[in-house]
PDB file of N, CA and C in Angstrom:
ATOM      1  N   MET A   1     -14.448  32.844   2.989  1.00  0.00           N
ATOM      2  CA  MET A   1     -13.253  33.049   2.008  1.00  0.00           C
ATOM      3  C   MET A   1     -12.721  31.903   2.945  1.00  0.00           C
ATOM      4  N   ARG A   2     -11.828  30.831   2.022  1.00  0.00           N
ATOM      5  CA  ARG A   2     -11.251  29.766   2.141  1.00  0.00           C
ATOM      6  C   ARG A   2      -9.830  30.500   2.482  1.00  0.00           C
ATOM      7  N   ILE A   3      -8.988  29.151   3.463  1.00  0.00           N
ATOM      8  CA  ILE A   3      -7.791  29.730   3.531  1.00  0.00           C
ATOM      9  C   ILE A   3      -6.846  29.944   2.668  1.00  0.00           C
ATOM     10  N   GLN A   4      -7.118  28.745   1.602  1.00  0.00           N
ATOM     11  CA  GLN A   4      -5.792  28.524   0.168  1.00  0.00           C
ATOM     12  C   GLN A   4      -6.617  30.133  -0.518  1.00  0.00           C
ATOM     13  N   ASP A   5      -7.184  30.780  -0.527  1.00  0.00           N
ATOM     14  CA  ASP A   5      -7.856  32.055  -0.995  1.00  0.00           C
ATOM     15  C   ASP A   5      -7.235  33.396   0.011  1.00  0.00           C
ATOM     16  N   MET A   6      -6.131  33.430   0.776  1.00  0.00           N
ATOM     17  CA  MET A   6      -5.926  34.482   1.514  1.00  0.00           C
ATOM     18  C   MET A   6      -4.508  34.556   0.994  1.00  0.00           C
ATOM     19  N   MET A   7      -3.758  35.607   0.981  1.00  0.00           N
ATOM     20  CA  MET A   7      -2.757  36.243   0.287  1.00  0.00           C
ATOM     21  C   MET A   7      -1.542  35.642   0.783  1.00  0.00           C
ATOM     22  N   GLY A   8      -0.935  34.777  -0.253  1.00  0.00           N
ATOM     23  CA  GLY A   8       0.256  34.156   0.187  1.00  0.00           C
ATOM     24  C   GLY A   8       0.226  32.242   0.531  1.00  0.00           C
ATOM     25  N   LEU A   9      -1.346  32.138   0.649  1.00  0.00           N
ATOM     26  CA  LEU A   9      -1.476  30.529   0.989  1.00  0.00           C
ATOM     27  C   LEU A   9      -2.312  29.899  -0.263  1.00  0.00           C
ATOM     28  N   GLY A  10      -1.764  29.014  -0.142  1.00  0.00           N
ATOM     29  CA  GLY A  10      -2.526  27.911  -1.595  1.00  0.00           C
ATOM     30  C   GLY A  10      -3.033  26.921  -0.685  1.00  0.00           C
ATOM     31  N   PRO A  11      -3.369  25.726  -1.783  1.00  0.00           N
ATOM     32  CA  PRO A  11      -4.155  24.676  -1.243  1.00  0.00           C
ATOM     33  C   PRO A  11      -2.875  23.803  -0.782  1.00  0.00           C
ATOM     34  N   LYS A  12      -1.700  23.846  -0.818  1.00  0.00           N
ATOM     35  CA  LYS A  12      -0.789  23.114   0.060  1.00  0.00           C
ATOM     36  C   LYS A  12      -0.717  23.690   1.574  1.00  0.00           C
ATOM     37  N   SER A  13      -0.611  24.816   1.434  1.00  0.00           N
ATOM     38  CA  SER A  13      -0.732  25.216   3.107  1.00  0.00           C
ATOM     39  C   SER A  13      -1.815  25.205   4.143  1.00  0.00           C
ATOM     40  N   ALA A  14      -3.054  24.969   2.865  1.00  0.00           N
ATOM     41  CA  ALA A  14      -4.687  24.831   3.381  1.00  0.00           C
ATOM     42  C   ALA A  14      -4.543  23.418   3.993  1.00  0.00           C
ATOM     43  N   GLU A  15      -3.991  22.620   3.356  1.00  0.00           N
ATOM     44  CA  GLU A  15      -3.884  21.177   3.781  1.00  0.00           C
ATOM     45  C   GLU A  15      -2.985  20.785   4.865  1.00  0.00           C
ATOM     46  N   MET A  16      -1.777  21.812   5.102  1.00  0.00           N
ATOM     47  CA  MET A  16      -1.213  21.410   6.076  1.00  0.00           C
ATOM     48  C   MET A  16      -1.825  22.135   7.384  1.00  0.00           C
ATOM     49  N   LEU A  17      -2.436  23.102   7.357  1.00  0.00           N
ATOM     50  CA  LEU A  17      -3.324  23.360   8.509  1.00  0.00           C
ATOM     51  C   LEU A  17      -4.208  22.785   8.750  1.00  0.00           C
ATOM     52  N   ALA A  18      -5.319  22.212   7.867  1.00  0.00           N
ATOM     53  CA  ALA A  18      -6.122  21.247   8.333  1.00  0.00           C
ATOM     54  C   ALA A  18      -5.812  19.973   8.933  1.00  0.00           C
ATOM     55  N   HIS A  19      -4.684  19.617   8.571  1.00  0.00           N
ATOM     56  CA  HIS A  19      -4.188  18.353   9.122  1.00  0.00           C
ATOM     57  C   HIS A  19      -3.647  18.502  10.736  1.00  0.00           C
ATOM     58  N   ALA A  20      -3.400  20.076  10.901  1.00  0.00           N
ATOM     59  CA  ALA A  20      -3.435  20.510  12.269  1.00  0.00           C
ATOM     60  C   ALA A  20      -4.554  20.833  13.089  1.00  0.00           C
ATOM     61  N   GLY A  21      -5.619  20.527  12.363  1.00  0.00           N
ATOM     62  CA  GLY A  21      -6.896  20.950  13.010  1.00  0.00           C
ATOM     63  C   GLY A  21      -7.452  22.627  12.811  1.00  0.00           C
ATOM     64  N   ILE A  22      -6.554  23.259  11.799  1.00  0.00           N
ATOM     65  CA  ILE A  22      -7.287  24.545  11.584  1.00  0.00           C
ATOM     66  C   ILE A  22      -7.697  24.606  10.354  1.00  0.00           C
ATOM     67  N   ALA A  23      -9.050  24.474   9.982  1.00  0.00           N
ATOM     68  CA  ALA A  23      -9.831  24.217   8.764  1.00  0.00           C
ATOM     69  C   ALA A  23     -10.564  25.581   8.330  1.00  0.00           C
ATOM     70  N   THR A  24     -10.306  26.618   8.967  1.00  0.00           N
ATOM     71  CA  THR A  24     -11.130  27.642   8.534  1.00  0.00           C
ATOM     72  C   THR A  24     -10.161  29.396   9.083  1.00  0.00           C
ATOM     73  N   VAL A  25     -10.745  30.278   8.089  1.00  0.00           N
ATOM     74  CA  VAL A  25      -9.967  31.441   8.599  1.00  0.00           C
ATOM     75  C   VAL A  25     -10.086  31.556   9.940  1.00  0.00           C
ATOM     76  N   ASP A  26     -11.243  31.532  10.631  1.00  0.00           N
ATOM     77  CA  ASP A  26     -11.541  31.899  11.922  1.00  0.00           C
ATOM     78  C   ASP A  26     -10.523  30.816  12.897  1.00  0.00           C
ATOM     79  N   ASP A  27     -10.472  29.746  12.245  1.00  0.00           N
ATOM     80  CA  ASP A  27      -9.508  28.848  13.376  1.00  0.00           C
ATOM     81  C   ASP A  27      -7.945  29.705  13.037  1.00  0.00           C
ATOM     82  N   LEU A  28      -7.587  29.845  11.925  1.00  0.00           N
ATOM     83  CA  LEU A  28      -6.369  30.418  11.693  1.00  0.00           C
ATOM     84  C   LEU A  28      -5.934  31.673  12.600  1.00  0.00           C
ATOM     85  N   ARG A  29      -7.212  32.880  12.245  1.00  0.00           N
ATOM     86  CA  ARG A  29      -6.867  33.842  12.687  1.00  0.00           C
ATOM     87  C   ARG A  29      -7.195  33.769  14.664  1.00  0.00           C
ATOM     88  N   ASN A  30      -7.857  32.854  14.982  1.00  0.00           N
ATOM     89  CA  ASN A  30      -7.962  32.342  16.460  1.00  0.00           C
ATOM     90  C   ASN A  30      -6.394  32.055  16.765  1.00  0.00           C
ATOM     91  N   ALA A  31      -5.948  31.216  15.774  1.00  0.00           N
ATOM     92  CA  ALA A  31      -4.511  30.716  16.552  1.00  0.00           C
ATOM     93  C   ALA A  31      -3.209  31.528  16.226  1.00  0.00           C
ATOM     94  N   GLY A  32      -3.606  32.506  15.290  1.00  0.00           N
ATOM     95  CA  GLY A  32      -2.610  33.355  14.771  1.00  0.00           C
ATOM     96  C   GLY A  32      -1.264  32.895  14.089  1.00  0.00           C
ATOM     97  N   SER A  33      -0.368  33.647  13.807  1.00  0.00           N
ATOM     98  CA  SER A  33       0.585  32.850  12.890  1.00  0.00           C
ATOM     99  C   SER A  33       1.555  31.810  13.489  1.00  0.00           C
ATOM    100  N   ILE A  34       1.636  32.506  14.979  1.00  0.00           N
ATOM    101  CA  ILE A  34       2.850  31.813  15.507  1.00  0.00           C
ATOM    102  C   ILE A  34       2.009  30.107  15.940  1.00  0.00           C
ATOM    103  N   GLY A  35       0.885  30.627  16.781  1.00  0.00           N
ATOM    104  CA  GLY A  35       0.013  29.010  16.804  1.00  0.00           C
ATOM    105  C   GLY A  35      -0.222  28.203  16.109  1.00  0.00           C
ATOM    106  N   ALA A  36      -0.696  28.725  14.736  1.00  0.00           N
ATOM    107  CA  ALA A  36      -0.533  28.037  13.500  1.00  0.00           C
ATOM    108  C   ALA A  36       0.694  26.982  13.190  1.00  0.00           C
ATOM    109  N   PHE A  37       1.728  27.690  13.166  1.00  0.00           N
ATOM    110  CA  PHE A  37       3.146  27.220  12.691  1.00  0.00           C
ATOM    111  C   PHE A  37       3.030  26.308  13.750  1.00  0.00           C
ATOM    112  N   VAL A  38       3.487  26.266  14.582  1.00  0.00           N
ATOM    113  CA  VAL A  38       3.819  25.826  15.958  1.00  0.00           C
ATOM    114  C   VAL A  38       2.785  24.093  15.818  1.00  0.00           C
ATOM    115  N   ALA A  39       1.386  24.236  15.500  1.00  0.00           N
ATOM    116  CA  ALA A  39       0.341  23.538  15.443  1.00  0.00           C
ATOM    117  C   ALA A  39       0.936  22.543  14.049  1.00  0.00           C
ATOM    118  N   VAL A  40       1.171  22.999  13.368  1.00  0.00           N
ATOM    119  CA  VAL A  40       1.663  22.419  11.778  1.00  0.00           C
ATOM    120  C   VAL A  40       3.001  21.646  11.896  1.00  0.00           C
ATOM    121  N   LYS A  41       4.084  22.203  12.778  1.00  0.00           N
ATOM    122  CA  LYS A  41       5.104  21.359  13.241  1.00  0.00           C
ATOM    123  C   LYS A  41       4.802  20.084  14.095  1.00  0.00           C
ATOM    124  N   LYS A  42       4.051  20.622  15.222  1.00  0.00           N
ATOM    125  CA  LYS A  42       3.887  19.788  16.133  1.00  0.00           C
ATOM    126  C   LYS A  42       3.227  18.132  15.197  1.00  0.00           C
ATOM    127  N   THR A  43       2.747  18.235  14.333  1.00  0.00           N
ATOM    128  CA  THR A  43       2.081  17.028  13.297  1.00  0.00           C
ATOM    129  C   THR A  43       2.854  16.318  12.578  1.00  0.00           C
ATOM    130  N   GLY A  44       4.388  16.818  12.491  1.00  0.00           N
ATOM    131  CA  GLY A  44       5.643  16.392  11.899  1.00  0.00           C
ATOM    132  C   GLY A  44       5.712  16.699  10.502  1.00  0.00           C
ATOM    133  N   GLN A  45       4.609  17.625   9.989  1.00  0.00           N
ATOM    134  CA  GLN A  45       5.039  17.965   8.841  1.00  0.00           C
ATOM    135  C   GLN A  45       6.359  18.998   8.624  1.00  0.00           C
ATOM    136  N   PRO A  46       6.853  18.741   7.388  1.00  0.00           N
ATOM    137  CA  PRO A  46       8.019  19.649   7.086  1.00  0.00           C
ATOM    138  C   PRO A  46       7.400  21.323   7.279  1.00  0.00           C
ATOM    139  N   ALA A  47       7.339  22.016   8.268  1.00  0.00           N
ATOM    140  CA  ALA A  47       6.963  23.371   8.039  1.00  0.00           C
ATOM    141  C   ALA A  47       8.459  24.422   7.972  1.00  0.00           C
ATOM    142  N   SER A  48       8.502  25.064   7.085  1.00  0.00           N
ATOM    143  CA  SER A  48       9.721  25.869   6.921  1.00  0.00           C
ATOM    144  C   SER A  48       8.938  27.278   7.247  1.00  0.00           C
ATOM    145  N   LEU A  49      10.026  27.780   7.943  1.00  0.00           N
ATOM    146  CA  LEU A  49       9.758  29.503   7.996  1.00  0.00           C
ATOM    147  C   LEU A  49       9.029  30.351   7.303  1.00  0.00           C
ATOM    148  N   ASN A  50       9.306  29.876   5.801  1.00  0.00           N
ATOM    149  CA  ASN A  50       8.652  30.362   4.785  1.00  0.00           C
ATOM    150  C   ASN A  50       7.032  30.387   5.155  1.00  0.00           C
ATOM    151  N   LEU A  51       6.659  29.157   5.751  1.00  0.00           N
ATOM    152  CA  LEU A  51       5.392  28.823   5.915  1.00  0.00           C
ATOM    153  C   LEU A  51       4.752  30.085   7.105  1.00  0.00           C
ATOM    154  N   LEU A  52       5.585  30.425   8.063  1.00  0.00           N
ATOM    155  CA  LEU A  52       5.643  31.319   9.190  1.00  0.00           C
ATOM    156  C   LEU A  52       5.499  32.601   8.321  1.00  0.00           C
ATOM    157  N   TRP A  53       6.190  33.082   7.755  1.00  0.00           N
ATOM    158  CA  TRP A  53       6.142  34.243   7.066  1.00  0.00           C
ATOM    159  C   TRP A  53       4.669  34.369   6.249  1.00  0.00           C
ATOM    160  N   ALA A  54       4.381  33.461   5.103  1.00  0.00           N
ATOM    161  CA  ALA A  54       3.033  33.192   4.600  1.00  0.00           C
ATOM    162  C   ALA A  54       2.004  33.391   5.440  1.00  0.00           C
ATOM    163  N   LEU A  55       1.839  32.681   6.790  1.00  0.00           N
ATOM    164  CA  LEU A  55       0.796  32.828   7.851  1.00  0.00           C
ATOM    165  C   LEU A  55       0.406  34.237   7.998  1.00  0.00           C
ATOM    166  N   GLU A  56       1.540  34.788   8.835  1.00  0.00           N
ATOM    167  CA  GLU A  56       1.838  36.378   8.883  1.00  0.00           C
ATOM    168  C   GLU A  56       1.174  37.020   8.066  1.00  0.00           C
ATOM    169  N   GLY A  57       1.934  36.790   6.998  1.00  0.00           N
ATOM    170  CA  GLY A  57       1.298  37.733   5.683  1.00  0.00           C
ATOM    171  C   GLY A  57       0.053  37.491   5.368  1.00  0.00           C
ATOM    172  N   ALA A  58      -0.500  36.617   5.584  1.00  0.00           N
ATOM    173  CA  ALA A  58      -2.213  35.959   5.453  1.00  0.00           C
ATOM    174  C   ALA A  58      -2.793  37.038   6.350  1.00  0.00           C
ATOM    175  N   LEU A  59      -2.336  37.025   7.567  1.00  0.00           N
ATOM    176  CA  LEU A  59      -3.211  37.471   8.419  1.00  0.00           C
ATOM    177  C   LEU A  59      -3.209  38.863   8.565  1.00  0.00           C
ATOM    178  N   THR A  60      -2.100  39.617   7.964  1.00  0.00           N
ATOM    179  CA  THR A  60      -1.926  41.106   8.208  1.00  0.00           C
ATOM    180  C   THR A  60      -2.368  41.668   6.531  1.00  0.00           C
ATOM    181  N   ASN A  61      -2.192  40.449   5.550  1.00  0.00           N
ATOM    182  CA  ASN A  61      -2.645  41.149   4.210  1.00  0.00           C
ATOM    183  C   ASN A  61      -1.450  42.160   3.317  1.00  0.00           C
ATOM    184  N   GLN A  62       0.170  40.740   3.954  1.00  0.00           N
ATOM    185  CA  GLN A  62       1.020  41.602   3.567  1.00  0.00           C
ATOM    186  C   GLN A  62       1.799  40.252   3.089  1.00  0.00           C
ATOM    187  N   PRO A  63       2.565  40.978   1.478  1.00  0.00           N
ATOM    188  CA  PRO A  63       3.111  39.791   1.095  1.00  0.00           C
ATOM    189  C   PRO A  63       4.028  39.338   1.931  1.00  0.00           C
ATOM    190  N   TRP A  64       4.546  37.676   2.053  1.00  0.00           N
ATOM    191  CA  TRP A  64       5.417  36.973   2.872  1.00  0.00           C
ATOM    192  C   TRP A  64       6.662  37.710   2.696  1.00  0.00           C
ATOM    193  N   LYS A  65       7.197  37.819   1.481  1.00  0.00           N
ATOM    194  CA  LYS A  65       8.359  38.452   1.557  1.00  0.00           C
ATOM    195  C   LYS A  65       8.943  39.666   2.180  1.00  0.00           C
ATOM    196  N   GLU A  66       7.620  40.446   2.198  1.00  0.00           N
ATOM    197  CA  GLU A  66       7.848  41.844   3.350  1.00  0.00           C
ATOM    198  C   GLU A  66       7.714  41.263   4.540  1.00  0.00           C
ATOM    199  N   VAL A  67       7.101  40.430   4.966  1.00  0.00           N
ATOM    200  CA  VAL A  67       7.139  39.956   6.432  1.00  0.00           C
ATOM    201  C   VAL A  67       8.226  39.558   6.797  1.00  0.00           C
ATOM    202  N   ALA A  68       8.915  38.589   5.869  1.00  0.00           N
ATOM    203  CA  ALA A  68      10.245  37.857   6.263  1.00  0.00           C
ATOM    204  C   ALA A  68      11.067  39.168   6.477  1.00  0.00           C
ATOM    205  N   LYS A  69      11.063  40.225   5.724  1.00  0.00           N
ATOM    206  CA  LYS A  69      12.019  41.202   5.921  1.00  0.00           C
ATOM    207  C   LYS A  69      11.949  42.189   7.044  1.00  0.00           C
ATOM    208  N   ARG A  70      10.420  42.751   7.195  1.00  0.00           N
ATOM    209  CA  ARG A  70      10.165  43.693   8.276  1.00  0.00           C
ATOM    210  C   ARG A  70       9.799  42.909   9.495  1.00  0.00           C
ATOM    211  N   GLU A  71       9.408  41.730   9.672  1.00  0.00           N
ATOM    212  CA  GLU A  71       8.681  40.951  11.025  1.00  0.00           C
ATOM    213  C   GLU A  71       9.961  39.751  11.562  1.00  0.00           C
ATOM    214  N   ARG A  72      10.535  39.828  10.546  1.00  0.00           N
ATOM    215  CA  ARG A  72      11.232  38.657  10.726  1.00  0.00           C
ATOM    216  C   ARG A  72      11.791  38.135  12.475  1.00  0.00           C
ATOM    217  N   THR A  73      12.439  39.357  13.219  1.00  0.00           N
ATOM    218  CA  THR A  73      12.932  39.154  14.548  1.00  0.00           C
ATOM    219  C   THR A  73      12.012  39.396  15.065  1.00  0.00           C
ATOM    220  N   ARG A  74      10.965  39.749  15.346  1.00  0.00           N
ATOM    221  CA  ARG A  74       9.462  39.855  16.251  1.00  0.00           C
ATOM    222  C   ARG A  74       9.202  38.168  15.884  1.00  0.00           C
ATOM    223  N   LEU A  75       8.772  37.906  15.031  1.00  0.00           N
ATOM    224  CA  LEU A  75       8.500  36.445  14.763  1.00  0.00           C
ATOM    225  C   LEU A  75       9.417  35.402  15.253  1.00  0.00           C
ATOM    226  N   LEU A  76      10.667  35.328  15.392  1.00  0.00           N
ATOM    227  CA  LEU A  76      11.331  34.290  15.869  1.00  0.00           C
ATOM    228  C   LEU A  76      11.499  34.744  17.144  1.00  0.00           C
ATOM    229  N   LEU A  77      11.274  35.728  17.603  1.00  0.00           N
ATOM    230  CA  LEU A  77      11.486  35.870  19.316  1.00  0.00           C
ATOM    231  C   LEU A  77      10.347  35.187  19.681  1.00  0.00           C
ATOM    232  N   ALA A  78       8.656  35.742  19.287  1.00  0.00           N
ATOM    233  CA  ALA A  78       7.740  35.154  19.711  1.00  0.00           C
ATOM    234  C   ALA A  78       7.682  33.477  19.226  1.00  0.00           C
ATOM    235  N   LEU A  79       8.260  32.941  18.256  1.00  0.00           N
ATOM    236  CA  LEU A  79       8.346  31.607  18.378  1.00  0.00           C
ATOM    237  C   LEU A  79       9.227  30.842  19.326  1.00  0.00           C
ATOM    238  N   ASP A  80      10.225  31.371  19.699  1.00  0.00           N
ATOM    239  CA  ASP A  80      11.519  31.241  20.522  1.00  0.00           C
ATOM    240  C   ASP A  80      10.783  30.654  21.808  1.00  0.00           C
ATOM    241  N   LEU A  81       9.819  31.646  22.485  1.00  0.00           N
ATOM    242  CA  LEU A  81       9.284  32.071  23.514  1.00  0.00           C
ATOM    243  C   LEU A  81       8.123  30.903  23.626  1.00  0.00           C
ATOM    244  N   VAL A  82       7.650  30.814  22.687  1.00  0.00           N
ATOM    245  CA  VAL A  82       6.285  29.547  22.260  1.00  0.00           C
ATOM    246  C   VAL A  82       6.960  28.131  22.537  1.00  0.00           C
ATOM    247  N   GLU A  83       8.171  27.765  21.864  1.00  0.00           N
ATOM    248  CA  GLU A  83       8.498  26.668  21.714  1.00  0.00           C
ATOM    249  C   GLU A  83       9.578  26.068  23.186  1.00  0.00           C
ATOM    250  N   ARG A  84       9.646  26.948  23.950  1.00  0.00           N
ATOM    251  CA  ARG A  84      10.522  26.898  24.958  1.00  0.00           C
ATOM    252  C   ARG A  84       9.348  25.853  25.920  1.00  0.00           C
TER     253      ARG A  84
END
């Protein structure tokens, strides 16, 4: 399976991740949604929180909109800890 074939991700997301050094599904799993999101941001790419929701959704096989509703607070707190 390719990154762009995962739920909620497509060619644009895969391109952003590849630019951040995350080229395979295993790379994404190893980085986790927070790590991958931070890696994309560090490259200077315009990463919105929708990408974070999509990454978490891809890793947990959930639609990104459900992730945004149910996991928003947990993900934002985890992101804040990593970015400090």
